[in-house]
Amino acid sequence: MERKIVECEQGGLFSTIWVPFVSLKAVRLGSKRLQRCPIHKKWEKVHRVETSTLSADALANARVVTDSRIP
């Protein structure tokens, strides 16, 4: 499964497994999800980010920070 870069409500960037129409560790809210942010250690709304809009440094940092593989 491919990891996608997401951004939480507070602006934290991290990578997560994002499967369309499937949520094992998040609550789907349309195009957003309620998911535990590994940066802020709390449940927040997250949304996918187009990697082309991120700088190389931001993208590299976001790929390093990952959420848990299982719920």
C-alpha atoms as a PDB file:
ATOM      1  CA  MET A   1       0.000   0.000   0.000  1.00  0.00           C
ATOM      2  CA  GLU A   2       1.182   3.446  -0.846  1.00  0.00           C
ATOM      3  CA  ARG A   3       1.541   6.136   1.786  1.00  0.00           C
ATOM      4  CA  LYS A   4       0.082   9.597   1.175  1.00  0.00           C
ATOM      5  CA  ILE A   5       1.075  12.911   2.721  1.00  0.00           C
ATOM      6  CA  VAL A   6      -1.648  14.474   4.869  1.00  0.00           C
ATOM      7  CA  GLU A   7      -1.977  17.663   6.871  1.00  0.00           C
ATOM      8  CA  CYS A   8      -3.734  17.943  10.224  1.00  0.00           C
ATOM      9  CA  GLU A   9      -5.845  20.884  11.407  1.00  0.00           C
ATOM     10  CA  GLN A  10      -2.831  22.482  13.081  1.00  0.00           C
ATOM     11  CA  GLY A  11      -0.627  22.229   9.989  1.00  0.00           C
ATOM     12  CA  GLY A  12       1.357  19.105  10.870  1.00  0.00           C
ATOM     13  CA  LEU A  13       2.447  17.041   7.870  1.00  0.00           C
ATOM     14  CA  PHE A  14       2.870  13.265   8.037  1.00  0.00           C
ATOM     15  CA  SER A  15       2.439  10.183   5.896  1.00  0.00           C
ATOM     16  CA  THR A  16      -0.340   7.652   6.263  1.00  0.00           C
ATOM     17  CA  ILE A  17      -1.865   4.773   4.356  1.00  0.00           C
ATOM     18  CA  TRP A  18      -4.833   6.308   2.511  1.00  0.00           C
ATOM     19  CA  VAL A  19      -7.106   3.869   0.723  1.00  0.00           C
ATOM     20  CA  PRO A  20     -10.105   5.437  -1.033  1.00  0.00           C
ATOM     21  CA  PHE A  21     -13.457   4.464   0.533  1.00  0.00           C
ATOM     22  CA  VAL A  22     -11.717   2.431   3.282  1.00  0.00           C
ATOM     23  CA  SER A  23     -10.911   3.554   6.828  1.00  0.00           C
ATOM     24  CA  LEU A  24      -9.579   1.136   9.413  1.00  0.00           C
ATOM     25  CA  LYS A  25      -7.924   3.675  11.723  1.00  0.00           C
ATOM     26  CA  ALA A  26      -9.862   6.826  10.902  1.00  0.00           C
ATOM     27  CA  VAL A  27     -13.402   8.141  10.596  1.00  0.00           C
ATOM     28  CA  ARG A  28     -14.185   9.321   7.071  1.00  0.00           C
ATOM     29  CA  LEU A  29     -15.686  12.805   6.779  1.00  0.00           C
ATOM     30  CA  GLY A  30     -16.097  13.307   3.042  1.00  0.00           C
ATOM     31  CA  SER A  31     -12.699  14.272   1.657  1.00  0.00           C
ATOM     32  CA  LYS A  32     -11.258  14.551   5.186  1.00  0.00           C
ATOM     33  CA  ARG A  33     -10.738  12.027   7.948  1.00  0.00           C
ATOM     34  CA  LEU A  34     -10.653  12.139  11.707  1.00  0.00           C
ATOM     35  CA  GLN A  35      -7.382  10.446  12.587  1.00  0.00           C
ATOM     36  CA  ARG A  36      -4.793  10.467  15.353  1.00  0.00           C
ATOM     37  CA  CYS A  37      -1.990  12.915  14.485  1.00  0.00           C
ATOM     38  CA  PRO A  38       1.447  11.484  15.377  1.00  0.00           C
ATOM     39  CA  ILE A  39       2.857  15.001  15.737  1.00  0.00           C
ATOM     40  CA  HIS A  40       0.322  16.457  18.183  1.00  0.00           C
ATOM     41  CA  LYS A  41      -0.681  13.108  19.728  1.00  0.00           C
ATOM     42  CA  LYS A  42      -4.416  13.778  19.458  1.00  0.00           C
ATOM     43  CA  TRP A  43      -7.353  13.123  17.137  1.00  0.00           C
ATOM     44  CA  GLU A  44      -7.661  15.767  14.415  1.00  0.00           C
ATOM     45  CA  LYS A  45      -9.221  16.227  10.999  1.00  0.00           C
ATOM     46  CA  VAL A  46      -6.684  15.490   8.262  1.00  0.00           C
ATOM     47  CA  HIS A  47      -6.749  15.942   4.501  1.00  0.00           C
ATOM     48  CA  ARG A  48      -4.504  14.804   1.665  1.00  0.00           C
ATOM     49  CA  VAL A  49      -1.906  17.227   0.343  1.00  0.00           C
ATOM     50  CA  GLU A  50      -0.687  17.420  -3.245  1.00  0.00           C
ATOM     51  CA  THR A  51       3.029  16.674  -3.002  1.00  0.00           C
ATOM     52  CA  SER A  52       3.748  19.083  -5.857  1.00  0.00           C
ATOM     53  CA  THR A  53       2.721  21.985  -3.583  1.00  0.00           C
ATOM     54  CA  LEU A  54       5.320  21.117  -0.921  1.00  0.00           C
ATOM     55  CA  SER A  55       8.971  22.094  -0.825  1.00  0.00           C
ATOM     56  CA  ALA A  56      11.531  19.303  -0.996  1.00  0.00           C
ATOM     57  CA  ASP A  57      12.341  19.742   2.713  1.00  0.00           C
ATOM     58  CA  ALA A  58       8.687  19.686   3.791  1.00  0.00           C
ATOM     59  CA  LEU A  59       8.055  16.585   1.693  1.00  0.00           C
ATOM     60  CA  ALA A  60      11.105  14.772   3.099  1.00  0.00           C
ATOM     61  CA  ASN A  61      10.097  15.641   6.683  1.00  0.00           C
ATOM     62  CA  ALA A  62       6.503  14.526   6.110  1.00  0.00           C
ATOM     63  CA  ARG A  63       7.663  11.151   4.765  1.00  0.00           C
ATOM     64  CA  VAL A  64       9.736  10.542   7.899  1.00  0.00           C
ATOM     65  CA  VAL A  65       6.807  11.123  10.284  1.00  0.00           C
ATOM     66  CA  THR A  66       4.348   8.242   9.974  1.00  0.00           C
ATOM     67  CA  ASP A  67       1.223   7.190  11.803  1.00  0.00           C
ATOM     68  CA  SER A  68       0.678   3.703  13.187  1.00  0.00           C
ATOM     69  CA  ARG A  69       0.132   0.893  10.707  1.00  0.00           C
ATOM     70  CA  ILE A  70      -2.858  -0.489  12.608  1.00  0.00           C
ATOM     71  CA  PRO A  71      -5.733   1.148  14.477  1.00  0.00           C
END
